[in-house]
Amino acid sequence: MLSRLARSAVGHDEEIARFEDARALCSLPVVRREVARFLAHSPIAVGQDVADDAVLCADELITNSLVHTASRVISLNVCVRTSSKRGAVVRVVVGDEDRRRPGRGASCKSELSTRGRGLPLLTALSQWGCRRCSHGKDVWFECPRPAAQE
């Protein structure tokens, strides 16, 4: 499903996977499986904890685009690169056609709530941000989080 588009070695090793329309996958388990498969087969070794966090965060971003936007096209890009300070870094970018930035909606009112946990989870597991662009917006994250001193 995810296709590897580029591999470069300009200053650091990097491998990229891209899927232009994540909405067409129709299934979040397929997204999780494909991201996990890409990370497992990357020539840049990604630790299992980092891979698990990246898969969970990618799932959250795709879910947010599916639930909170009317986007016809949702893009998913996964990049693995090496960092002298953090080792293998996974960067995921999810693009959709909605220009609104993700915001904290109603917070979880109970421990049993299934809504309102995505962005706090993303904040706990990764460094993330959002940028508006010509097609709408890109929401990105990197795992692992940088250490506090960086």
N, C-alpha and C. Protein backbone atom coordinates (compact mmCIF):
# COMPACT_ATOMS: atom_id res chain seq x y z
N MET A 1 0.81 -1.19 0.00
CA MET A 1 0.00 0.00 0.00
C MET A 1 0.86 1.26 0.00
N LEU A 2 1.71 1.43 1.03
CA LEU A 2 2.61 2.57 1.03
C LEU A 2 3.72 2.32 0.04
N SER A 3 4.05 3.31 -0.74
CA SER A 3 5.12 3.12 -1.72
C SER A 3 6.34 3.92 -1.29
N ARG A 4 7.50 3.33 -1.41
CA ARG A 4 8.73 4.04 -1.09
C ARG A 4 9.09 4.90 -2.29
N LEU A 5 9.15 6.18 -2.06
CA LEU A 5 9.41 7.09 -3.17
C LEU A 5 10.86 7.52 -3.27
N ALA A 6 11.52 7.65 -2.14
CA ALA A 6 12.86 8.22 -2.23
C ALA A 6 13.73 7.70 -1.10
N ARG A 7 14.98 7.61 -1.38
CA ARG A 7 15.99 7.33 -0.36
C ARG A 7 17.15 8.23 -0.68
N SER A 8 17.60 8.99 0.30
CA SER A 8 18.70 9.90 0.03
C SER A 8 19.75 9.79 1.13
N ALA A 9 20.92 10.26 0.85
CA ALA A 9 22.00 10.25 1.83
C ALA A 9 22.73 11.58 1.79
N VAL A 10 21.98 12.67 1.88
CA VAL A 10 22.56 14.00 1.86
C VAL A 10 22.65 14.48 3.30
N GLY A 11 23.78 14.28 3.94
CA GLY A 11 23.96 14.70 5.32
C GLY A 11 23.44 13.69 6.33
N HIS A 12 22.46 12.90 5.96
CA HIS A 12 21.93 11.86 6.84
C HIS A 12 21.17 10.85 5.98
N ASP A 13 21.02 9.67 6.52
CA ASP A 13 20.24 8.67 5.80
C ASP A 13 18.76 8.96 6.00
N GLU A 14 18.00 8.68 4.98
CA GLU A 14 16.58 8.96 5.05
C GLU A 14 15.83 8.00 4.13
N GLU A 15 14.69 7.54 4.58
CA GLU A 15 13.83 6.73 3.73
C GLU A 15 12.41 7.24 3.89
N ILE A 16 11.70 7.35 2.78
CA ILE A 16 10.37 7.96 2.78
C ILE A 16 9.35 7.00 2.18
N ALA A 17 8.17 6.93 2.81
CA ALA A 17 7.03 6.23 2.25
C ALA A 17 5.91 7.24 2.08
N ARG A 18 5.13 7.08 1.04
CA ARG A 18 4.08 8.06 0.78
C ARG A 18 2.84 7.33 0.29
N PHE A 19 1.70 7.72 0.83
CA PHE A 19 0.43 7.23 0.32
C PHE A 19 -0.45 8.44 0.09
N GLU A 20 -0.80 8.68 -1.15
CA GLU A 20 -1.49 9.92 -1.51
C GLU A 20 -2.89 10.03 -0.94
N ASP A 21 -3.64 8.95 -0.87
CA ASP A 21 -5.01 9.06 -0.38
C ASP A 21 -5.26 8.04 0.71
N ALA A 22 -4.94 8.42 1.93
CA ALA A 22 -5.14 7.52 3.06
C ALA A 22 -6.62 7.22 3.28
N ARG A 23 -7.49 8.13 2.85
CA ARG A 23 -8.94 7.89 2.98
C ARG A 23 -9.33 6.65 2.18
N ALA A 24 -8.66 6.41 1.07
CA ALA A 24 -8.99 5.26 0.22
C ALA A 24 -8.63 3.93 0.90
N LEU A 25 -7.78 3.97 1.91
CA LEU A 25 -7.46 2.73 2.62
C LEU A 25 -8.68 2.16 3.32
N CYS A 26 -9.62 3.05 3.68
CA CYS A 26 -10.91 2.67 4.27
C CYS A 26 -10.79 1.96 5.61
N SER A 27 -9.61 1.77 6.10
CA SER A 27 -9.47 0.99 7.31
C SER A 27 -8.25 1.45 8.09
N LEU A 28 -8.48 1.90 9.31
CA LEU A 28 -7.35 2.29 10.14
C LEU A 28 -6.42 1.13 10.44
N PRO A 29 -6.93 -0.10 10.61
CA PRO A 29 -5.98 -1.21 10.80
C PRO A 29 -5.02 -1.36 9.62
N VAL A 30 -5.48 -1.06 8.40
CA VAL A 30 -4.60 -1.14 7.23
C VAL A 30 -3.53 -0.07 7.33
N VAL A 31 -3.90 1.15 7.73
CA VAL A 31 -2.92 2.23 7.90
C VAL A 31 -1.88 1.81 8.93
N ARG A 32 -2.34 1.32 10.08
CA ARG A 32 -1.40 0.89 11.13
C ARG A 32 -0.46 -0.20 10.62
N ARG A 33 -1.02 -1.18 9.92
CA ARG A 33 -0.20 -2.30 9.42
C ARG A 33 0.83 -1.82 8.42
N GLU A 34 0.45 -0.94 7.52
CA GLU A 34 1.37 -0.47 6.49
C GLU A 34 2.47 0.41 7.07
N VAL A 35 2.14 1.27 8.02
CA VAL A 35 3.17 2.09 8.66
C VAL A 35 4.12 1.19 9.43
N ALA A 36 3.57 0.24 10.19
CA ALA A 36 4.42 -0.69 10.96
C ALA A 36 5.32 -1.50 10.03
N ARG A 37 4.78 -1.95 8.91
CA ARG A 37 5.56 -2.74 7.95
C ARG A 37 6.70 -1.90 7.37
N PHE A 38 6.39 -0.67 7.00
CA PHE A 38 7.42 0.22 6.46
C PHE A 38 8.54 0.43 7.47
N LEU A 39 8.18 0.70 8.72
CA LEU A 39 9.20 0.94 9.75
C LEU A 39 10.00 -0.32 10.04
N ALA A 40 9.36 -1.47 10.03
CA ALA A 40 10.06 -2.73 10.31
C ALA A 40 11.07 -3.06 9.22
N HIS A 41 10.79 -2.65 7.98
CA HIS A 41 11.66 -2.98 6.86
C HIS A 41 12.58 -1.84 6.44
N SER A 42 12.57 -0.76 7.20
CA SER A 42 13.45 0.36 6.88
C SER A 42 14.90 -0.05 7.11
N PRO A 43 15.81 0.32 6.21
CA PRO A 43 17.22 0.02 6.43
C PRO A 43 17.80 0.80 7.62
N ILE A 44 17.10 1.83 8.07
CA ILE A 44 17.50 2.56 9.26
C ILE A 44 16.77 1.91 10.43
N ALA A 45 17.50 1.34 11.35
CA ALA A 45 16.90 0.59 12.45
C ALA A 45 16.09 1.51 13.35
N VAL A 46 14.82 1.17 13.51
CA VAL A 46 13.91 1.91 14.38
C VAL A 46 13.57 0.99 15.55
N GLY A 47 13.79 1.45 16.77
CA GLY A 47 13.45 0.65 17.94
C GLY A 47 11.96 0.36 17.99
N GLN A 48 11.61 -0.76 18.61
CA GLN A 48 10.20 -1.17 18.66
C GLN A 48 9.34 -0.15 19.41
N ASP A 49 9.86 0.43 20.49
CA ASP A 49 9.08 1.43 21.23
C ASP A 49 8.79 2.65 20.36
N VAL A 50 9.79 3.10 19.62
CA VAL A 50 9.60 4.25 18.73
C VAL A 50 8.62 3.89 17.61
N ALA A 51 8.76 2.72 17.05
CA ALA A 51 7.84 2.28 15.99
C ALA A 51 6.41 2.19 16.51
N ASP A 52 6.23 1.62 17.69
CA ASP A 52 4.88 1.52 18.27
C ASP A 52 4.27 2.89 18.50
N ASP A 53 5.07 3.83 19.04
CA ASP A 53 4.57 5.19 19.26
C ASP A 53 4.21 5.85 17.93
N ALA A 54 5.04 5.67 16.92
CA ALA A 54 4.78 6.28 15.61
C ALA A 54 3.52 5.72 14.97
N VAL A 55 3.31 4.43 15.08
CA VAL A 55 2.10 3.81 14.52
C VAL A 55 0.86 4.36 15.23
N LEU A 56 0.90 4.45 16.55
CA LEU A 56 -0.23 4.97 17.31
C LEU A 56 -0.52 6.43 16.97
N CYS A 57 0.53 7.24 16.89
CA CYS A 57 0.34 8.66 16.55
C CYS A 57 -0.16 8.85 15.13
N ALA A 58 0.35 8.06 14.18
CA ALA A 58 -0.15 8.13 12.79
C ALA A 58 -1.63 7.80 12.75
N ASP A 59 -2.02 6.77 13.49
CA ASP A 59 -3.42 6.38 13.57
C ASP A 59 -4.27 7.54 14.11
N GLU A 60 -3.77 8.22 15.12
CA GLU A 60 -4.51 9.35 15.70
C GLU A 60 -4.68 10.48 14.69
N LEU A 61 -3.62 10.81 13.94
CA LEU A 61 -3.73 11.90 12.97
C LEU A 61 -4.67 11.56 11.83
N ILE A 62 -4.59 10.32 11.33
CA ILE A 62 -5.52 9.91 10.26
C ILE A 62 -6.95 9.93 10.79
N THR A 63 -7.15 9.43 12.00
CA THR A 63 -8.49 9.44 12.61
C THR A 63 -9.01 10.86 12.70
N ASN A 64 -8.17 11.80 13.16
CA ASN A 64 -8.61 13.20 13.25
C ASN A 64 -9.03 13.74 11.90
N SER A 65 -8.27 13.44 10.85
CA SER A 65 -8.64 13.92 9.51
C SER A 65 -9.95 13.29 9.04
N LEU A 66 -10.13 12.02 9.31
CA LEU A 66 -11.36 11.34 8.89
C LEU A 66 -12.58 11.84 9.64
N VAL A 67 -12.44 12.06 10.94
CA VAL A 67 -13.57 12.41 11.80
C VAL A 67 -13.88 13.90 11.76
N HIS A 68 -12.86 14.74 11.73
CA HIS A 68 -13.06 16.18 11.93
C HIS A 68 -12.98 17.02 10.68
N THR A 69 -12.77 16.41 9.50
CA THR A 69 -12.73 17.19 8.26
C THR A 69 -13.61 16.50 7.22
N ALA A 70 -13.92 17.24 6.19
CA ALA A 70 -14.66 16.68 5.05
C ALA A 70 -13.72 16.49 3.86
N SER A 71 -12.45 16.33 4.14
CA SER A 71 -11.45 16.22 3.09
C SER A 71 -11.71 15.03 2.19
N ARG A 72 -11.61 15.27 0.89
CA ARG A 72 -11.74 14.18 -0.08
C ARG A 72 -10.44 13.39 -0.17
N VAL A 73 -9.32 14.07 0.05
CA VAL A 73 -8.01 13.43 -0.05
C VAL A 73 -7.25 13.68 1.24
N ILE A 74 -6.69 12.62 1.79
CA ILE A 74 -5.83 12.70 2.97
C ILE A 74 -4.52 12.03 2.59
N SER A 75 -3.41 12.77 2.76
CA SER A 75 -2.12 12.20 2.41
C SER A 75 -1.38 11.77 3.67
N LEU A 76 -0.54 10.77 3.52
CA LEU A 76 0.26 10.24 4.62
C LEU A 76 1.68 10.06 4.12
N ASN A 77 2.63 10.69 4.80
CA ASN A 77 4.05 10.55 4.48
C ASN A 77 4.77 10.09 5.73
N VAL A 78 5.61 9.08 5.58
CA VAL A 78 6.39 8.55 6.68
C VAL A 78 7.85 8.64 6.28
N CYS A 79 8.67 9.21 7.14
CA CYS A 79 10.09 9.37 6.86
C CYS A 79 10.88 8.86 8.06
N VAL A 80 11.92 8.11 7.78
CA VAL A 80 12.85 7.68 8.82
C VAL A 80 14.20 8.28 8.47
N ARG A 81 14.81 8.94 9.45
CA ARG A 81 16.12 9.53 9.23
C ARG A 81 16.96 9.34 10.49
N THR A 82 18.24 9.53 10.34
CA THR A 82 19.12 9.43 11.51
C THR A 82 19.42 10.82 12.04
N SER A 83 19.55 10.89 13.35
CA SER A 83 19.87 12.14 14.03
C SER A 83 21.03 11.85 14.98
N SER A 84 22.01 12.74 14.98
CA SER A 84 23.16 12.51 15.86
C SER A 84 22.76 12.53 17.33
N LYS A 85 21.71 13.25 17.67
CA LYS A 85 21.28 13.34 19.08
C LYS A 85 20.23 12.31 19.46
N ARG A 86 19.37 11.91 18.51
CA ARG A 86 18.24 11.04 18.87
C ARG A 86 18.28 9.67 18.21
N GLY A 87 19.28 9.40 17.39
CA GLY A 87 19.30 8.12 16.68
C GLY A 87 18.28 8.13 15.55
N ALA A 88 17.56 7.04 15.38
CA ALA A 88 16.54 6.98 14.33
C ALA A 88 15.35 7.83 14.74
N VAL A 89 14.92 8.71 13.82
CA VAL A 89 13.77 9.58 14.06
C VAL A 89 12.72 9.27 13.00
N VAL A 90 11.50 9.06 13.45
CA VAL A 90 10.38 8.83 12.54
C VAL A 90 9.58 10.12 12.47
N ARG A 91 9.38 10.62 11.24
CA ARG A 91 8.56 11.82 11.03
C ARG A 91 7.38 11.41 10.16
N VAL A 92 6.19 11.73 10.61
CA VAL A 92 4.98 11.43 9.87
C VAL A 92 4.25 12.74 9.62
N VAL A 93 3.77 12.91 8.39
CA VAL A 93 2.99 14.09 8.02
C VAL A 93 1.67 13.61 7.44
N VAL A 94 0.57 14.11 8.00
CA VAL A 94 -0.76 13.81 7.48
C VAL A 94 -1.33 15.12 6.95
N GLY A 95 -1.68 15.12 5.67
CA GLY A 95 -2.23 16.32 5.04
C GLY A 95 -3.70 16.12 4.73
N ASP A 96 -4.47 17.18 4.91
CA ASP A 96 -5.87 17.14 4.50
C ASP A 96 -6.26 18.50 3.93
N GLU A 97 -7.48 18.62 3.46
CA GLU A 97 -7.91 19.82 2.76
C GLU A 97 -8.53 20.88 3.66
N ASP A 98 -8.62 20.62 4.94
CA ASP A 98 -9.21 21.55 5.91
C ASP A 98 -8.11 22.46 6.45
N ARG A 99 -8.32 23.77 6.40
CA ARG A 99 -7.28 24.71 6.84
C ARG A 99 -7.30 24.94 8.35
N ARG A 100 -8.33 24.45 9.05
CA ARG A 100 -8.38 24.65 10.50
C ARG A 100 -7.31 23.82 11.20
N ARG A 101 -6.64 24.46 12.16
CA ARG A 101 -5.64 23.75 12.95
C ARG A 101 -6.34 22.82 13.93
N PRO A 102 -5.67 21.71 14.26
CA PRO A 102 -6.27 20.83 15.26
C PRO A 102 -6.36 21.59 16.58
N GLY A 103 -7.44 21.38 17.27
CA GLY A 103 -7.61 22.04 18.56
C GLY A 103 -8.16 21.07 19.57
N ARG A 104 -7.95 21.40 20.79
CA ARG A 104 -8.48 20.55 21.84
C ARG A 104 -9.98 20.80 21.93
N GLY A 105 -10.73 19.76 21.65
CA GLY A 105 -12.18 19.85 21.78
C GLY A 105 -12.55 19.66 23.23
N ALA A 106 -13.73 19.15 23.43
CA ALA A 106 -14.16 18.85 24.79
C ALA A 106 -13.22 17.81 25.39
N SER A 107 -12.74 18.09 26.56
CA SER A 107 -11.82 17.14 27.19
C SER A 107 -12.59 15.90 27.65
N CYS A 108 -11.85 14.86 27.93
CA CYS A 108 -12.45 13.61 28.40
C CYS A 108 -13.16 13.89 29.72
N LYS A 109 -14.43 13.60 29.75
CA LYS A 109 -15.19 13.84 30.98
C LYS A 109 -15.17 12.62 31.89
N SER A 110 -14.81 11.48 31.34
CA SER A 110 -14.72 10.28 32.18
C SER A 110 -13.60 9.40 31.67
N GLU A 111 -13.17 8.50 32.51
CA GLU A 111 -12.11 7.57 32.12
C GLU A 111 -12.57 6.64 31.01
N LEU A 112 -13.87 6.48 30.85
CA LEU A 112 -14.41 5.58 29.84
C LEU A 112 -14.65 6.25 28.49
N SER A 113 -14.45 7.57 28.44
CA SER A 113 -14.68 8.30 27.19
C SER A 113 -13.72 7.82 26.11
N THR A 114 -14.23 7.74 24.89
CA THR A 114 -13.39 7.33 23.76
C THR A 114 -13.00 8.52 22.88
N ARG A 115 -13.38 9.73 23.28
CA ARG A 115 -13.07 10.91 22.49
C ARG A 115 -12.25 11.90 23.31
N GLY A 116 -11.49 12.75 22.61
CA GLY A 116 -10.75 13.80 23.28
C GLY A 116 -9.39 13.38 23.81
N ARG A 117 -8.90 12.24 23.39
CA ARG A 117 -7.61 11.76 23.89
C ARG A 117 -6.49 11.88 22.87
N GLY A 118 -6.81 12.13 21.62
CA GLY A 118 -5.81 12.09 20.55
C GLY A 118 -4.68 13.08 20.68
N LEU A 119 -4.98 14.36 20.83
CA LEU A 119 -3.91 15.37 20.91
C LEU A 119 -3.10 15.26 22.20
N PRO A 120 -3.73 15.00 23.36
CA PRO A 120 -2.89 14.77 24.55
C PRO A 120 -1.97 13.56 24.38
N LEU A 121 -2.45 12.52 23.71
CA LEU A 121 -1.62 11.34 23.45
C LEU A 121 -0.46 11.72 22.52
N LEU A 122 -0.77 12.47 21.48
CA LEU A 122 0.26 12.92 20.54
C LEU A 122 1.32 13.75 21.26
N THR A 123 0.88 14.63 22.16
CA THR A 123 1.80 15.47 22.92
C THR A 123 2.69 14.63 23.85
N ALA A 124 2.13 13.59 24.42
CA ALA A 124 2.89 12.74 25.35
C ALA A 124 3.93 11.89 24.63
N LEU A 125 3.63 11.47 23.39
CA LEU A 125 4.50 10.51 22.70
C LEU A 125 5.43 11.13 21.66
N SER A 126 5.18 12.38 21.27
CA SER A 126 5.94 12.95 20.16
C SER A 126 6.07 14.46 20.29
N GLN A 127 6.87 14.99 19.39
CA GLN A 127 6.90 16.44 19.17
C GLN A 127 6.04 16.64 17.94
N TRP A 128 5.08 17.57 17.96
CA TRP A 128 4.20 17.71 16.80
C TRP A 128 3.87 19.17 16.54
N GLY A 129 3.34 19.40 15.35
CA GLY A 129 2.94 20.73 14.96
C GLY A 129 2.04 20.70 13.75
N CYS A 130 1.66 21.87 13.30
CA CYS A 130 0.74 21.98 12.16
C CYS A 130 1.16 23.19 11.33
N ARG A 131 1.02 23.06 10.02
CA ARG A 131 1.27 24.21 9.15
C ARG A 131 0.21 24.24 8.06
N ARG A 132 -0.26 25.42 7.79
CA ARG A 132 -1.20 25.59 6.68
C ARG A 132 -0.41 25.59 5.38
N CYS A 133 -1.01 25.05 4.33
CA CYS A 133 -0.35 25.00 3.04
C CYS A 133 -1.40 25.13 1.93
N SER A 134 -0.98 25.08 0.69
CA SER A 134 -1.89 25.34 -0.43
C SER A 134 -3.05 24.36 -0.48
N HIS A 135 -2.85 23.12 -0.06
CA HIS A 135 -3.94 22.14 -0.13
C HIS A 135 -4.81 22.13 1.11
N GLY A 136 -4.42 22.84 2.16
CA GLY A 136 -5.18 22.84 3.41
C GLY A 136 -4.22 22.94 4.58
N LYS A 137 -3.87 21.79 5.18
CA LYS A 137 -2.89 21.79 6.26
C LYS A 137 -2.15 20.47 6.30
N ASP A 138 -0.97 20.52 6.88
CA ASP A 138 -0.19 19.33 7.19
C ASP A 138 0.00 19.30 8.70
N VAL A 139 -0.33 18.19 9.32
CA VAL A 139 -0.04 17.98 10.73
C VAL A 139 1.07 16.95 10.78
N TRP A 140 2.13 17.25 11.53
CA TRP A 140 3.30 16.38 11.55
C TRP A 140 3.65 16.02 12.99
N PHE A 141 4.38 14.93 13.12
CA PHE A 141 4.97 14.59 14.41
C PHE A 141 6.28 13.89 14.18
N GLU A 142 7.13 13.92 15.22
CA GLU A 142 8.39 13.17 15.22
C GLU A 142 8.49 12.36 16.50
N CYS A 143 8.90 11.11 16.35
CA CYS A 143 9.19 10.21 17.46
C CYS A 143 10.63 9.76 17.32
N PRO A 144 11.40 9.63 18.36
CA PRO A 144 11.00 9.96 19.73
C PRO A 144 11.04 11.46 19.97
N ARG A 145 10.40 11.87 21.07
CA ARG A 145 10.43 13.28 21.46
C ARG A 145 11.88 13.68 21.73
N PRO A 146 12.25 14.91 21.41
CA PRO A 146 13.61 15.35 21.77
C PRO A 146 13.74 15.40 23.29
N ALA A 147 14.95 15.16 23.77
CA ALA A 147 15.20 15.29 25.20
C ALA A 147 15.01 16.74 25.62
N ALA A 148 14.73 16.98 26.86
CA ALA A 148 14.43 18.32 27.37
C ALA A 148 15.54 19.32 27.09
N GLN A 149 16.79 18.88 27.09
CA GLN A 149 17.90 19.81 26.89
C GLN A 149 18.11 20.20 25.44
N GLU A 150 17.44 19.56 24.48
CA GLU A 150 17.67 19.89 23.06
C GLU A 150 16.99 21.18 22.70
